N, C-alpha and C. Protein backbone atom coordinates (compact mmCIF):
# COMPACT_ATOMS: atom_id res chain seq x y z
N MET A 1 31.84 -10.85 -19.32
CA MET A 1 32.45 -11.77 -19.48
C MET A 1 32.03 -12.28 -20.88
N ASP A 2 32.48 -11.49 -22.14
CA ASP A 2 32.30 -12.20 -23.40
C ASP A 2 33.07 -12.99 -24.05
N ARG A 3 32.65 -13.85 -24.46
CA ARG A 3 34.05 -14.70 -25.52
C ARG A 3 33.28 -15.13 -27.07
N GLN A 4 33.62 -14.84 -27.35
CA GLN A 4 33.63 -15.40 -28.86
C GLN A 4 34.42 -16.49 -29.67
N LEU A 5 33.81 -17.33 -30.77
CA LEU A 5 34.32 -18.53 -31.41
C LEU A 5 33.68 -17.93 -32.77
N VAL A 6 34.40 -17.88 -33.95
CA VAL A 6 34.46 -17.80 -35.02
C VAL A 6 34.88 -18.96 -35.93
N PHE A 7 34.84 -19.50 -36.79
CA PHE A 7 35.19 -20.20 -37.94
C PHE A 7 34.24 -20.99 -38.99
N GLU A 8 35.14 -21.12 -40.03
CA GLU A 8 34.67 -21.52 -41.24
C GLU A 8 34.74 -23.00 -41.39
N LEU A 9 33.47 -23.82 -42.12
CA LEU A 9 33.61 -25.41 -42.30
C LEU A 9 33.52 -25.34 -43.96
N PRO A 10 34.28 -26.68 -44.44
CA PRO A 10 33.64 -26.76 -45.40
C PRO A 10 32.12 -27.12 -45.84
N ASN A 11 32.28 -27.35 -46.67
CA ASN A 11 30.25 -27.83 -46.83
C ASN A 11 30.02 -29.46 -47.53
N ASP A 12 30.41 -30.07 -45.84
CA ASP A 12 30.54 -31.46 -46.13
C ASP A 12 29.78 -31.34 -44.73
N LEU A 13 28.14 -32.71 -44.56
CA LEU A 13 28.00 -32.80 -43.73
C LEU A 13 28.87 -33.71 -42.73
N GLY A 14 29.87 -34.70 -43.30
CA GLY A 14 30.47 -35.29 -42.21
C GLY A 14 31.10 -34.21 -41.54
N CYS A 15 31.26 -33.18 -41.43
CA CYS A 15 32.12 -31.74 -40.50
C CYS A 15 31.13 -31.41 -39.31
N ILE A 16 29.52 -31.57 -39.80
CA ILE A 16 28.58 -31.43 -38.71
C ILE A 16 29.07 -32.02 -37.14
N GLU A 17 28.85 -33.07 -36.90
CA GLU A 17 29.13 -33.44 -35.41
C GLU A 17 30.64 -33.22 -34.89
N GLY A 18 31.52 -33.03 -35.53
CA GLY A 18 32.69 -32.30 -34.93
C GLY A 18 32.63 -30.95 -35.04
N ALA A 19 31.96 -30.26 -35.69
CA ALA A 19 32.26 -28.94 -35.13
C ALA A 19 31.25 -28.36 -33.74
N VAL A 20 30.08 -29.41 -33.74
CA VAL A 20 29.23 -29.10 -32.67
C VAL A 20 30.00 -29.52 -31.25
N GLU A 21 30.36 -30.24 -31.85
CA GLU A 21 31.60 -31.14 -30.49
C GLU A 21 32.51 -29.70 -29.51
N PHE A 22 33.31 -29.66 -31.36
CA PHE A 22 33.76 -28.01 -31.00
C PHE A 22 33.47 -27.17 -30.35
N VAL A 23 32.62 -26.54 -31.20
CA VAL A 23 31.52 -25.24 -30.38
C VAL A 23 31.31 -25.93 -28.56
N LEU A 24 30.66 -26.90 -28.33
CA LEU A 24 30.14 -27.31 -26.97
C LEU A 24 31.21 -27.39 -25.87
N LEU A 25 32.29 -27.72 -26.66
CA LEU A 25 33.55 -27.79 -25.31
C LEU A 25 34.02 -26.58 -25.03
N ARG A 26 33.99 -25.82 -25.76
CA ARG A 26 34.44 -24.31 -25.43
C ARG A 26 33.19 -23.61 -24.77
N CYS A 27 31.82 -24.14 -24.38
CA CYS A 27 30.60 -23.72 -23.92
C CYS A 27 30.61 -24.52 -22.41
N GLU A 28 32.02 -25.38 -21.83
CA GLU A 28 31.69 -26.00 -20.82
C GLU A 28 31.41 -25.11 -19.45
N PHE A 29 32.17 -24.05 -19.67
CA PHE A 29 31.73 -23.29 -18.60
C PHE A 29 30.63 -22.49 -18.27
N CYS A 30 29.88 -23.16 -19.19
CA CYS A 30 27.99 -22.07 -18.87
C CYS A 30 27.49 -23.38 -18.39
N GLU A 31 27.80 -23.25 -17.00
CA GLU A 31 27.16 -25.03 -16.27
C GLU A 31 25.51 -23.93 -16.04
N GLU A 32 24.78 -23.05 -15.71
CA GLU A 32 24.10 -22.57 -15.91
C GLU A 32 22.78 -23.82 -16.76
N VAL A 33 23.11 -23.74 -18.34
CA VAL A 33 22.03 -23.85 -18.97
C VAL A 33 22.79 -25.27 -19.93
N SER A 34 23.69 -25.91 -18.86
CA SER A 34 24.23 -27.18 -19.22
C SER A 34 23.25 -28.08 -19.55
N ARG A 35 21.89 -28.66 -19.06
CA ARG A 35 20.94 -29.24 -19.77
C ARG A 35 21.11 -28.88 -21.07
N ARG A 36 20.35 -27.98 -20.94
CA ARG A 36 20.26 -26.99 -22.73
C ARG A 36 20.59 -27.09 -23.06
N LEU A 37 22.05 -27.31 -23.20
CA LEU A 37 23.44 -26.66 -23.73
C LEU A 37 23.81 -28.21 -24.79
N ARG A 38 23.81 -28.84 -23.63
CA ARG A 38 24.02 -30.54 -24.30
C ARG A 38 22.69 -31.00 -25.15
N PHE A 39 21.85 -30.95 -25.11
CA PHE A 39 20.68 -31.23 -25.80
C PHE A 39 20.06 -30.00 -26.93
N ASN A 40 19.17 -28.62 -26.31
CA ASN A 40 18.80 -28.19 -26.95
C ASN A 40 19.47 -27.50 -27.89
N PHE A 41 21.07 -27.28 -27.58
CA PHE A 41 21.95 -26.16 -27.84
C PHE A 41 22.53 -26.68 -29.30
N ARG A 42 22.57 -28.02 -28.86
CA ARG A 42 23.48 -29.64 -29.78
C ARG A 42 22.38 -29.64 -30.92
N VAL A 43 21.22 -29.90 -30.53
CA VAL A 43 20.01 -30.13 -31.68
C VAL A 43 20.33 -28.74 -32.85
N SER A 44 19.97 -28.12 -32.10
CA SER A 44 19.22 -26.54 -32.87
C SER A 44 20.84 -26.54 -33.73
N LEU A 45 21.98 -26.34 -33.61
CA LEU A 45 23.28 -25.67 -33.66
C LEU A 45 23.59 -27.04 -34.92
N ALA A 46 23.05 -28.52 -35.18
CA ALA A 46 23.07 -29.38 -36.20
C ALA A 46 22.28 -29.21 -37.56
N GLU A 47 21.36 -28.60 -36.87
CA GLU A 47 20.34 -28.75 -37.72
C GLU A 47 20.36 -27.22 -38.59
N ALA A 48 21.13 -25.78 -37.80
CA ALA A 48 21.41 -24.98 -38.84
C ALA A 48 22.14 -25.32 -39.61
N LEU A 49 22.94 -26.29 -39.01
CA LEU A 49 24.33 -26.25 -40.18
C LEU A 49 24.34 -27.53 -41.58
N ALA A 50 23.32 -28.60 -40.90
CA ALA A 50 22.98 -28.97 -42.00
C ALA A 50 21.48 -28.18 -42.93
N ASN A 51 21.33 -27.54 -42.67
CA ASN A 51 20.52 -26.57 -43.05
C ASN A 51 21.34 -25.51 -44.15
N ALA A 52 21.75 -24.91 -43.49
CA ALA A 52 22.63 -24.41 -44.59
C ALA A 52 23.62 -24.97 -45.01
N MET A 53 23.97 -26.15 -44.95
CA MET A 53 25.18 -26.75 -46.68
C MET A 53 24.13 -27.55 -47.30
N LEU A 54 23.15 -28.08 -47.25
CA LEU A 54 22.29 -28.90 -47.93
C LEU A 54 20.99 -27.67 -48.79
N TYR A 55 20.61 -26.85 -48.21
CA TYR A 55 19.66 -25.94 -48.73
C TYR A 55 20.09 -24.56 -49.21
N GLY A 56 20.76 -24.18 -48.11
CA GLY A 56 21.38 -22.67 -48.36
C GLY A 56 22.56 -22.83 -49.50
N ASN A 57 23.70 -24.17 -49.25
CA ASN A 57 24.73 -23.85 -50.32
C ASN A 57 24.41 -25.00 -51.72
N GLY A 58 23.35 -25.29 -51.42
CA GLY A 58 22.66 -26.65 -52.06
C GLY A 58 23.83 -27.82 -52.24
N GLY A 59 24.47 -27.93 -51.24
CA GLY A 59 25.00 -29.32 -51.22
C GLY A 59 26.37 -28.68 -52.17
N ASP A 60 26.98 -27.84 -52.02
CA ASP A 60 28.36 -27.29 -53.49
C ASP A 60 29.43 -27.33 -52.89
N PRO A 61 30.07 -28.12 -53.02
CA PRO A 61 31.50 -28.49 -51.92
C PRO A 61 32.75 -27.49 -52.17
N ALA A 62 32.26 -26.72 -53.20
CA ALA A 62 33.27 -25.48 -53.37
C ALA A 62 32.87 -24.11 -51.97
N LYS A 63 31.42 -24.22 -51.13
CA LYS A 63 30.93 -23.37 -50.61
C LYS A 63 31.30 -23.43 -49.38
N ARG A 64 31.00 -22.87 -48.57
CA ARG A 64 31.82 -22.72 -46.89
C ARG A 64 30.25 -22.27 -45.95
N VAL A 65 30.44 -22.80 -45.31
CA VAL A 65 30.08 -22.06 -43.68
C VAL A 65 30.71 -21.30 -42.63
N ARG A 66 30.23 -20.11 -42.36
CA ARG A 66 30.72 -19.48 -41.19
C ARG A 66 29.43 -19.75 -39.88
N VAL A 67 29.96 -20.05 -39.28
CA VAL A 67 29.53 -20.09 -38.04
C VAL A 67 30.40 -19.15 -36.43
N GLU A 68 29.52 -18.09 -35.85
CA GLU A 68 30.03 -17.49 -35.10
C GLU A 68 29.03 -17.68 -33.77
N VAL A 69 30.19 -17.67 -32.60
CA VAL A 69 29.39 -18.24 -31.43
C VAL A 69 29.62 -16.89 -30.36
N THR A 70 29.23 -16.91 -29.51
CA THR A 70 29.27 -15.61 -28.59
C THR A 70 28.80 -15.74 -27.42
N VAL A 71 29.60 -15.64 -26.00
CA VAL A 71 28.74 -16.54 -25.14
C VAL A 71 28.92 -15.03 -24.26
N GLU A 72 28.05 -14.57 -23.53
CA GLU A 72 27.70 -13.14 -23.19
C GLU A 72 26.92 -13.60 -21.24
N SER A 73 26.97 -12.72 -20.86
CA SER A 73 26.76 -12.81 -19.21
C SER A 73 25.19 -13.60 -18.89
N SER A 74 24.53 -12.84 -20.45
CA SER A 74 22.97 -13.75 -20.49
C SER A 74 22.95 -14.35 -21.36
N ALA A 75 23.56 -14.76 -22.42
CA ALA A 75 22.99 -15.37 -22.99
C ALA A 75 23.93 -16.41 -24.18
N LEU A 76 23.43 -17.36 -25.18
CA LEU A 76 24.96 -17.98 -25.71
C LEU A 76 23.74 -17.30 -26.73
N GLN A 77 24.69 -17.38 -27.93
CA GLN A 77 24.51 -16.74 -29.56
C GLN A 77 25.33 -17.26 -30.35
N ALA A 78 24.57 -18.50 -31.29
CA ALA A 78 25.35 -18.84 -32.50
C ALA A 78 24.69 -18.38 -33.94
N ARG A 79 25.56 -17.21 -34.95
CA ARG A 79 25.44 -17.28 -36.28
C ARG A 79 25.52 -18.33 -37.41
N ILE A 80 24.95 -18.55 -37.73
CA ILE A 80 25.77 -19.70 -38.95
C ILE A 80 25.04 -19.06 -40.26
N THR A 81 25.72 -18.62 -41.51
CA THR A 81 25.80 -18.05 -42.28
C THR A 81 26.43 -19.17 -43.85
N ASP A 82 25.62 -19.31 -44.74
CA ASP A 82 25.95 -19.68 -45.59
C ASP A 82 26.02 -18.88 -47.20
N GLN A 83 27.13 -19.62 -47.95
CA GLN A 83 26.64 -18.79 -49.28
C GLN A 83 25.72 -19.09 -50.60
N GLY A 84 24.82 -19.22 -49.86
CA GLY A 84 23.50 -19.05 -50.93
C GLY A 84 23.00 -17.96 -50.59
N SER A 85 21.76 -18.00 -51.97
CA SER A 85 20.84 -16.76 -51.97
C SER A 85 20.04 -16.17 -50.99
N GLY A 86 19.51 -17.75 -50.13
CA GLY A 86 18.79 -16.85 -49.01
C GLY A 86 16.92 -17.47 -49.98
N PHE A 87 16.87 -17.73 -48.32
CA PHE A 87 15.11 -17.49 -48.17
C PHE A 87 14.49 -16.74 -47.61
N ASP A 88 12.94 -17.32 -47.12
CA ASP A 88 12.25 -16.33 -46.60
C ASP A 88 11.40 -17.16 -45.71
N PRO A 89 12.02 -17.52 -44.66
CA PRO A 89 11.58 -18.51 -43.38
C PRO A 89 10.00 -18.30 -43.48
N ASP A 90 9.54 -17.28 -43.66
CA ASP A 90 8.05 -17.47 -42.93
C ASP A 90 7.08 -18.05 -44.44
N ARG A 91 8.64 -18.33 -45.60
CA ARG A 91 7.34 -18.92 -46.68
C ARG A 91 6.67 -20.43 -46.72
N VAL A 92 8.51 -21.12 -45.67
CA VAL A 92 8.39 -22.45 -45.20
C VAL A 92 6.93 -23.05 -44.12
N PRO A 93 6.32 -23.80 -44.87
CA PRO A 93 4.89 -24.46 -44.34
C PRO A 93 5.35 -25.22 -43.10
N ASP A 94 4.05 -25.27 -42.17
CA ASP A 94 4.45 -25.64 -40.60
C ASP A 94 3.94 -27.31 -40.64
N PRO A 95 5.07 -27.78 -40.16
CA PRO A 95 5.43 -29.66 -40.19
C PRO A 95 4.36 -30.13 -39.60
N THR A 96 3.79 -28.98 -38.64
CA THR A 96 2.92 -29.58 -37.95
C THR A 96 1.41 -30.05 -38.12
N ALA A 97 1.12 -28.81 -39.74
CA ALA A 97 -0.13 -29.06 -39.71
C ALA A 97 -0.72 -30.37 -40.72
N PRO A 98 -1.62 -31.15 -40.80
CA PRO A 98 -2.00 -32.02 -41.10
C PRO A 98 -1.50 -32.28 -42.58
N GLU A 99 -1.88 -31.13 -43.61
CA GLU A 99 -1.51 -31.77 -45.13
C GLU A 99 -0.09 -31.74 -44.68
N GLN A 100 0.78 -31.31 -44.39
CA GLN A 100 2.47 -31.14 -44.10
C GLN A 100 3.25 -32.49 -43.51
N LEU A 101 2.01 -33.18 -42.83
CA LEU A 101 3.07 -34.21 -41.77
C LEU A 101 3.75 -35.24 -42.62
N HIS A 102 3.13 -34.95 -43.63
CA HIS A 102 3.95 -36.57 -44.96
C HIS A 102 4.74 -35.60 -45.77
N ARG A 103 5.54 -34.53 -45.58
CA ARG A 103 6.31 -33.96 -46.23
C ARG A 103 7.76 -33.37 -45.29
N PRO A 104 8.74 -33.95 -45.89
CA PRO A 104 10.00 -33.80 -44.79
C PRO A 104 10.59 -32.29 -44.52
N CYS A 105 9.96 -31.17 -45.62
CA CYS A 105 10.59 -29.67 -45.29
C CYS A 105 9.96 -29.04 -43.93
N GLY A 106 10.88 -28.54 -43.20
CA GLY A 106 10.43 -27.58 -42.05
C GLY A 106 10.82 -28.12 -41.05
N ARG A 107 11.16 -29.26 -40.69
CA ARG A 107 11.37 -30.46 -39.56
C ARG A 107 12.14 -29.09 -39.18
N GLY A 108 13.40 -29.03 -39.71
CA GLY A 108 14.47 -28.63 -38.81
C GLY A 108 14.59 -27.29 -38.45
N ILE A 109 13.91 -26.49 -39.12
CA ILE A 109 13.28 -25.35 -38.16
C ILE A 109 12.14 -25.07 -37.20
N PHE A 110 11.48 -25.88 -37.54
CA PHE A 110 10.57 -26.15 -36.20
C PHE A 110 11.55 -26.75 -34.92
N LEU A 111 12.06 -27.70 -35.10
CA LEU A 111 12.57 -28.03 -34.12
C LEU A 111 13.90 -27.21 -33.52
N MET A 112 14.71 -26.57 -34.40
CA MET A 112 15.14 -25.02 -33.42
C MET A 112 14.56 -24.10 -33.30
N ARG A 113 13.14 -23.22 -33.34
CA ARG A 113 12.47 -22.92 -32.76
C ARG A 113 11.77 -23.32 -32.05
N GLN A 114 11.48 -24.65 -31.24
CA GLN A 114 11.23 -25.00 -29.90
C GLN A 114 11.97 -24.69 -29.06
N LEU A 115 13.07 -25.78 -29.65
CA LEU A 115 14.49 -25.40 -28.76
C LEU A 115 15.00 -24.77 -28.27
N MET A 116 14.96 -23.44 -28.96
CA MET A 116 16.00 -22.23 -28.93
C MET A 116 14.52 -21.19 -28.08
N ASP A 117 15.75 -20.32 -27.78
CA ASP A 117 14.48 -18.79 -26.56
C ASP A 117 14.31 -18.22 -28.07
N GLU A 118 15.03 -18.36 -29.07
CA GLU A 118 14.96 -16.93 -30.38
C GLU A 118 15.53 -17.67 -31.38
N VAL A 119 15.47 -17.47 -32.66
CA VAL A 119 16.02 -17.62 -33.63
C VAL A 119 15.27 -16.64 -34.45
N HIS A 120 16.40 -16.60 -35.68
CA HIS A 120 16.81 -14.70 -36.22
C HIS A 120 17.28 -15.35 -37.28
N TYR A 121 16.17 -14.92 -39.02
CA TYR A 121 16.67 -15.00 -40.18
C TYR A 121 17.63 -13.61 -40.14
N ASN A 122 18.27 -13.51 -41.01
CA ASN A 122 18.55 -11.92 -41.69
C ASN A 122 17.95 -11.72 -43.12
N ASP A 123 17.45 -10.21 -43.42
CA ASP A 123 17.05 -10.19 -44.49
C ASP A 123 16.72 -10.92 -45.84
N GLN A 124 18.47 -11.31 -45.75
CA GLN A 124 18.58 -12.10 -47.01
C GLN A 124 18.28 -13.48 -47.00
N GLY A 125 18.47 -14.17 -45.55
CA GLY A 125 17.86 -15.32 -45.72
C GLY A 125 19.06 -16.14 -45.87
N ASN A 126 19.93 -16.05 -45.61
CA ASN A 126 21.41 -16.83 -45.56
C ASN A 126 21.81 -17.25 -44.44
N ALA A 127 21.33 -16.54 -43.42
CA ALA A 127 22.18 -16.40 -41.80
C ALA A 127 20.99 -16.44 -41.18
N VAL A 128 21.43 -17.32 -39.84
CA VAL A 128 20.43 -17.88 -38.89
C VAL A 128 20.95 -17.54 -37.57
N THR A 129 20.30 -16.71 -36.46
CA THR A 129 21.06 -16.56 -35.27
C THR A 129 20.11 -17.24 -34.48
N LEU A 130 20.91 -18.42 -33.90
CA LEU A 130 20.00 -19.08 -32.07
C LEU A 130 20.51 -18.54 -31.10
N VAL A 131 19.78 -18.41 -30.17
CA VAL A 131 20.34 -17.53 -29.12
C VAL A 131 19.27 -18.53 -27.75
N LEU A 132 20.40 -19.07 -26.55
CA LEU A 132 19.31 -19.84 -25.86
C LEU A 132 20.49 -18.98 -24.55
N ARG A 133 19.30 -18.49 -23.47
CA ARG A 133 19.42 -17.09 -22.83
C ARG A 133 19.86 -17.91 -21.34
N PHE A 134 20.57 -17.52 -20.79
CA PHE A 134 20.47 -17.99 -19.38
C PHE A 134 19.47 -17.52 -18.43
N GLN A 135 19.09 -18.63 -17.53
CA GLN A 135 18.52 -18.35 -16.55
C GLN A 135 18.54 -17.51 -15.43
N ASP A 136 18.12 -16.80 -14.76
CA ASP A 136 19.21 -16.45 -14.20
C ASP A 136 18.57 -17.42 -12.06
N THR A 137 19.37 -18.09 -12.03
CA THR A 137 19.59 -19.19 -11.04
C THR A 137 18.97 -18.84 -9.63
N GLU A 138 19.91 -17.39 -9.49
CA GLU A 138 18.68 -17.06 -7.89
C GLU A 138 17.64 -17.47 -7.80
N ALA A 139 16.26 -16.53 -9.21
CA ALA A 139 15.30 -15.94 -9.32
C ALA A 139 14.21 -17.61 -9.15
N LEU A 140 15.38 -18.56 -9.85
CA LEU A 140 14.92 -20.03 -9.87
C LEU A 140 15.13 -20.43 -8.61
N LEU A 141 16.02 -20.71 -7.85
CA LEU A 141 16.29 -20.99 -6.18
C LEU A 141 14.99 -20.21 -5.37
N ARG A 142 14.63 -19.15 -5.99
CA ARG A 142 13.70 -18.48 -5.08
C ARG A 142 12.25 -18.87 -5.31
N GLU A 143 11.85 -18.79 -6.18
CA GLU A 143 10.94 -19.96 -6.62
C GLU A 143 10.64 -20.95 -6.02
N ALA A 144 11.72 -22.03 -6.45
CA ALA A 144 11.44 -23.58 -5.92
C ALA A 144 11.46 -23.61 -4.58
N SER A 145 11.79 -22.82 -3.85
CA SER A 145 11.91 -22.51 -2.13
C SER A 145 10.41 -22.11 -1.62
N ALA A 146 9.93 -21.54 -2.04
CA ALA A 146 8.74 -20.33 -1.99
C ALA A 146 7.05 -21.46 -2.09
């Protein structure tokens, strides 16, 4: 039961909320992850879009952001691609390190990594893939009744 949604956004922060709602409305049937979808995925997708627009595309209104969402039987996956030159996510400092607490950089990446099951960047560093796995609800029920 694979479903795919692909669209592009103008490089405008004002489009983020509407784009996130657009995606979530098309994922309503993912009942197993509804709570995680409404919070974890919502926040992570918004962060990825903001990062693509602000940092990847450098706020350039002539550039666009591509969004590809795939719902598979085991996971929801979103790939956000900007038109920038990319970056090395491993070089972004840990925002929880004492010397970084006063600096604003890296918090969005940190949030995405905490809220999603997987976060991957392409080699160029201009696309991020967010993965939210569906839990085996039968296994959860067995564990809960044990």
